[in-house]
Amino acid sequence: DKDLSEIPNLIWRKDKKQVFNLQTYTINQEIIDNLKFSDFEVIKNFDKYNKIHLNDHSSLNNKNYSNIFYYNCGRGCPVNCSFCGGSNISQGIINSRKKVITINHDSVIKELKNTKKKGIDIWYTCFDPFPKDDYYIKLFKRIKDEKLQLSLIFECWSLPTKKFVDSFFETFNINNSEMIISPECGSDRIRRKNKGYIYTNKELIDILRYINQKGIKIGIYFTAG
C-alpha cells in the first residue's frame, strides 16, 4: 500500500484486485538530465560480462569493438507510424508524454566518457525524433572536441541530411560504425500511408549513394510482409 509515485517510470503492483497501478508521471528536463545510464558499478560481475562480449553486434567483425552501449539521448516521438507502439499517440496514452524531451549535451558526454572508461567503444542509439535538427551535429562536435574515440551505430527515423552524414564521418571510427535506414517497403505510396517521416525512393537512393561515398556502413531495414 505504499505510495511509490515519486519514482520516475515505475509500474508497481498495488493490490491483488488491481494488478498494476500505472502512474502518469512525466519526466521533466531536470530529471532526465540527471538520470544515470552508465552506472555500471551497480551491475555485479560487469567486467566479466564485458569480457565475453554479450553485446556482440552481428554486422561488426572486429571483436575489439564488440561491446555496445545502448543509449538514447531522450524520450518521446513527434510522429505516428502505423506500426510503432512508441508513437506520439502511444506515448500520450502510456506515459502521459505530450512532447519530445532531449538530454543536454553535457550529460550525454558524461555518459559516453563513463562508457569509454569501461572499455566499451560502440554507442548504439535509435532516438532520432527531429532528423533535420542540429541536436546531433552539435553533439558530434562536442564528442570530437573531447577527443572521445568511439564508433556509432545510428538508426535514422527519416533520411539523414548530408550535413549529418558529414558530421558522422568526421567524428566516429568509420570502420566500426554504421548508419541504419528503414524505408520499410519499396513503394512510395505505401510508405506515405504508414511512416511518420516520408520520402521517395529517389531521395533514399540519393542519400545512400552519398553515405556510401563516405565509406560508412549502411543497414537497410524492411518490414516483413
Protein backbone atom coordinates (compact mmCIF):
# COMPACT_ATOMS: atom_id res chain seq x y z
CA ASP A 1 0.00 0.00 0.00
CA LYS A 2 2.99 2.33 -0.23
CA ASP A 3 2.78 5.37 -2.49
CA LEU A 4 5.63 4.99 -4.99
CA SER A 5 4.51 7.75 -7.36
CA GLU A 6 7.67 9.79 -6.76
CA ILE A 7 9.77 7.17 -8.54
CA PRO A 8 10.03 8.01 -12.28
CA ASN A 9 8.75 5.48 -14.87
CA LEU A 10 7.61 2.96 -12.24
CA ILE A 11 4.76 0.48 -12.61
CA TRP A 12 4.01 -1.43 -9.42
CA ARG A 13 1.50 -3.94 -8.02
CA LYS A 14 -0.85 -2.09 -5.70
CA ASP A 15 -3.13 -4.90 -4.51
CA LYS A 16 -4.49 -8.29 -5.58
CA LYS A 17 -7.56 -6.86 -7.28
CA GLN A 18 -5.76 -4.10 -9.16
CA VAL A 19 -2.83 -5.81 -10.87
CA PHE A 20 -0.86 -2.69 -11.81
CA ASN A 21 -1.07 0.96 -10.98
CA LEU A 22 0.38 2.94 -13.88
CA GLN A 23 1.34 6.44 -12.85
CA THR A 24 1.12 9.22 -15.43
CA TYR A 25 4.42 10.62 -14.22
CA THR A 26 6.07 12.80 -16.82
CA ILE A 27 9.86 13.12 -16.78
CA ASN A 28 10.92 16.76 -16.87
CA GLN A 29 14.20 18.23 -18.12
CA GLU A 30 15.92 18.31 -14.75
CA ILE A 31 15.14 14.65 -14.03
CA ILE A 32 16.25 13.27 -17.40
CA ASP A 33 19.47 15.31 -17.40
CA ASN A 34 20.44 13.75 -14.07
CA LEU A 35 19.46 10.12 -14.65
CA LYS A 36 22.48 7.79 -14.81
CA PHE A 37 22.56 5.34 -17.72
CA SER A 38 26.23 4.29 -17.47
CA ASP A 39 26.42 3.46 -13.78
CA PHE A 40 27.94 0.04 -14.44
CA GLU A 41 29.12 -0.29 -10.84
CA VAL A 42 25.61 -1.40 -9.84
CA ILE A 43 25.93 -4.48 -12.10
CA LYS A 44 27.56 -7.36 -10.27
CA ASN A 45 30.35 -9.00 -12.32
CA PHE A 46 30.06 -6.34 -15.05
CA ASP A 47 33.72 -6.68 -16.04
CA LYS A 48 33.24 -10.40 -16.64
CA TYR A 49 30.18 -9.75 -18.80
CA ASN A 50 32.16 -7.21 -20.75
CA LYS A 51 34.99 -9.65 -21.48
CA ILE A 52 32.72 -12.28 -23.04
CA HIS A 53 31.13 -9.81 -25.48
CA LEU A 54 27.47 -10.23 -24.54
CA ASN A 55 26.59 -7.28 -26.77
CA ASP A 56 28.26 -8.61 -29.91
CA HIS A 57 26.70 -6.94 -32.97
CA SER A 58 26.48 -9.33 -35.93
CA SER A 59 27.37 -6.71 -38.53
CA LEU A 60 30.69 -5.86 -36.87
CA ASN A 61 33.57 -8.27 -37.41
CA ASN A 62 36.20 -6.65 -35.22
CA LYS A 63 35.99 -8.31 -31.80
CA ASN A 64 37.92 -5.44 -30.25
CA TYR A 65 34.81 -3.34 -30.69
CA SER A 66 32.11 -5.87 -29.92
CA ASN A 67 30.70 -4.41 -26.69
CA ILE A 68 27.93 -1.89 -27.18
CA PHE A 69 26.41 0.87 -25.05
CA TYR A 70 22.72 1.16 -25.92
CA TYR A 71 21.79 4.71 -25.01
CA ASN A 72 19.12 7.10 -26.27
CA CYS A 73 19.52 10.84 -25.72
CA GLY A 74 15.91 11.50 -24.87
CA ARG A 75 12.34 10.25 -24.78
CA GLY A 76 9.23 10.63 -26.91
CA CYS A 77 8.26 10.92 -30.57
CA PRO A 78 6.57 13.69 -32.59
CA VAL A 79 5.06 11.44 -35.31
CA ASN A 80 2.77 8.42 -35.67
CA CYS A 81 3.98 5.49 -37.75
CA SER A 82 1.19 2.95 -38.16
CA PHE A 83 3.31 0.03 -36.91
CA CYS A 84 5.01 1.59 -33.88
CA GLY A 85 4.00 1.22 -30.24
CA GLY A 86 6.18 4.18 -29.28
CA SER A 87 4.42 6.74 -31.49
CA ASN A 88 3.25 10.15 -30.33
CA ILE A 89 -0.26 8.87 -29.63
CA SER A 90 1.06 5.81 -27.76
CA GLN A 91 3.42 7.95 -25.68
CA GLY A 92 0.46 10.08 -24.61
CA ILE A 93 -1.60 7.06 -23.58
CA ILE A 94 1.16 5.08 -21.87
CA ASN A 95 3.39 7.77 -20.36
CA SER A 96 1.26 10.92 -20.46
CA ARG A 97 4.11 12.35 -22.55
CA LYS A 98 2.96 15.07 -24.93
CA LYS A 99 6.28 16.22 -26.35
CA VAL A 100 9.80 15.02 -27.07
CA ILE A 101 12.45 15.68 -24.45
CA THR A 102 16.20 15.52 -25.18
CA ILE A 103 19.09 15.14 -22.75
CA ASN A 104 21.51 18.06 -22.60
CA HIS A 105 24.90 17.58 -24.25
CA ASP A 106 26.88 17.83 -21.00
CA SER A 107 25.02 14.85 -19.57
CA VAL A 108 25.46 12.83 -22.78
CA ILE A 109 29.21 13.48 -22.82
CA LYS A 110 29.47 12.35 -19.20
CA GLU A 111 27.68 9.08 -20.05
CA LEU A 112 29.93 8.42 -23.04
CA LYS A 113 33.08 9.13 -21.01
CA ASN A 114 31.94 6.67 -18.33
CA THR A 115 31.34 4.13 -21.08
CA LYS A 116 34.84 4.57 -22.50
CA LYS A 117 36.34 4.04 -19.05
CA LYS A 118 34.73 0.60 -19.03
CA GLY A 119 36.30 -0.31 -22.36
CA ILE A 120 33.10 0.00 -24.40
CA ASP A 121 33.84 1.57 -27.78
CA ILE A 122 30.49 1.42 -29.60
CA TRP A 123 27.49 3.61 -28.87
CA TYR A 124 24.16 2.46 -30.30
CA THR A 125 21.19 4.84 -30.48
CA CYS A 126 17.75 4.63 -32.08
CA PHE A 127 16.48 8.04 -30.95
CA ASP A 128 16.14 10.42 -33.89
CA PRO A 129 12.91 12.42 -33.44
CA PHE A 130 13.99 15.53 -35.39
CA PRO A 131 16.09 14.36 -38.38
CA LYS A 132 16.65 17.87 -39.74
CA ASP A 133 17.51 19.41 -36.37
CA ASP A 134 21.11 20.19 -35.36
CA TYR A 135 20.99 18.43 -31.96
CA TYR A 136 23.25 15.58 -33.07
CA ILE A 137 25.50 17.73 -35.24
CA LYS A 138 26.30 19.91 -32.21
CA LEU A 139 26.68 16.82 -30.03
CA PHE A 140 29.07 15.20 -32.53
CA LYS A 141 31.20 18.36 -32.47
CA ARG A 142 31.40 18.11 -28.68
CA ILE A 143 32.41 14.44 -28.94
CA LYS A 144 35.13 15.34 -31.44
CA ASP A 145 36.36 18.27 -29.31
CA GLU A 146 36.52 15.95 -26.28
CA LYS A 147 38.62 13.52 -28.36
CA LEU A 148 36.33 10.61 -27.49
CA GLN A 149 37.36 7.72 -29.73
CA LEU A 150 34.05 5.99 -30.39
CA SER A 151 32.12 4.13 -33.05
CA LEU A 152 28.41 4.80 -33.55
CA ILE A 153 25.50 2.70 -34.80
CA PHE A 154 22.72 5.17 -35.56
CA GLU A 155 19.14 4.28 -36.51
CA CYS A 156 17.70 7.06 -38.66
CA TRP A 157 13.99 7.70 -38.32
CA SER A 158 13.95 9.50 -41.65
CA LEU A 159 16.66 10.20 -44.19
CA PRO A 160 19.78 11.82 -42.74
CA THR A 161 20.86 15.14 -44.19
CA LYS A 162 24.22 15.45 -45.96
CA LYS A 163 25.35 17.74 -43.14
CA PHE A 164 24.56 14.97 -40.64
CA VAL A 165 26.44 12.40 -42.73
CA ASP A 166 29.47 14.70 -42.95
CA SER A 167 29.46 15.22 -39.17
CA PHE A 168 29.08 11.47 -38.57
CA PHE A 169 32.02 10.75 -40.86
CA GLU A 170 34.26 13.35 -39.22
CA THR A 171 33.50 12.25 -35.63
CA PHE A 172 33.43 8.45 -35.39
CA ASN A 173 35.56 5.41 -36.17
CA ILE A 174 34.05 4.64 -39.57
CA ASN A 175 35.50 1.13 -39.73
CA ASN A 176 33.19 0.07 -36.90
CA SER A 177 30.26 2.45 -37.34
CA GLU A 178 27.01 2.05 -39.20
CA MET A 179 24.01 4.12 -40.28
CA ILE A 180 20.66 2.32 -40.41
CA ILE A 181 17.73 3.49 -42.54
CA SER A 182 14.29 1.85 -42.52
CA PRO A 183 12.29 2.57 -45.69
CA GLU A 184 10.05 -0.37 -44.61
CA CYS A 185 8.99 -1.10 -48.20
CA GLY A 186 9.84 -0.33 -51.82
CA SER A 187 6.61 1.55 -52.52
CA ASP A 188 6.46 5.33 -52.16
CA ARG A 189 2.66 5.11 -51.87
CA ILE A 190 2.62 2.56 -49.03
CA ARG A 191 5.44 4.32 -47.22
CA ARG A 192 3.48 7.57 -47.34
CA LYS A 193 0.50 5.85 -45.71
CA ASN A 194 2.44 4.28 -42.85
CA LYS A 195 5.56 6.26 -41.89
CA GLY A 196 5.63 9.41 -39.81
CA TYR A 197 8.54 10.72 -41.87
CA ILE A 198 8.11 10.10 -45.58
CA TYR A 199 10.49 10.24 -48.54
CA THR A 200 10.66 8.95 -52.07
CA ASN A 201 12.75 6.09 -53.40
CA LYS A 202 14.79 8.61 -55.38
CA GLU A 203 15.60 10.59 -52.23
CA LEU A 204 16.53 7.33 -50.50
CA ILE A 205 18.88 6.21 -53.28
CA ASP A 206 20.49 9.66 -53.47
CA ILE A 207 21.42 9.74 -49.77
CA LEU A 208 22.52 6.08 -49.81
CA ARG A 209 24.98 6.94 -52.59
CA TYR A 210 26.29 9.87 -50.57
CA ILE A 211 26.74 7.73 -47.44
CA ASN A 212 28.46 5.04 -49.50
CA GLN A 213 30.88 7.59 -50.97
CA LYS A 214 31.99 8.37 -47.41
CA GLY A 215 32.77 4.71 -46.80
CA ILE A 216 30.19 4.42 -44.00
CA LYS A 217 28.50 1.04 -43.48
CA ILE A 218 24.78 1.11 -44.27
CA GLY A 219 21.98 -1.08 -42.92
CA ILE A 220 18.64 -1.03 -44.76
CA TYR A 221 15.64 -2.42 -42.86
CA PHE A 222 12.41 -3.58 -44.48
CA THR A 223 9.19 -4.70 -42.80
CA ALA A 224 8.36 -8.37 -43.40
CA GLY A 225 5.12 -8.78 -45.32
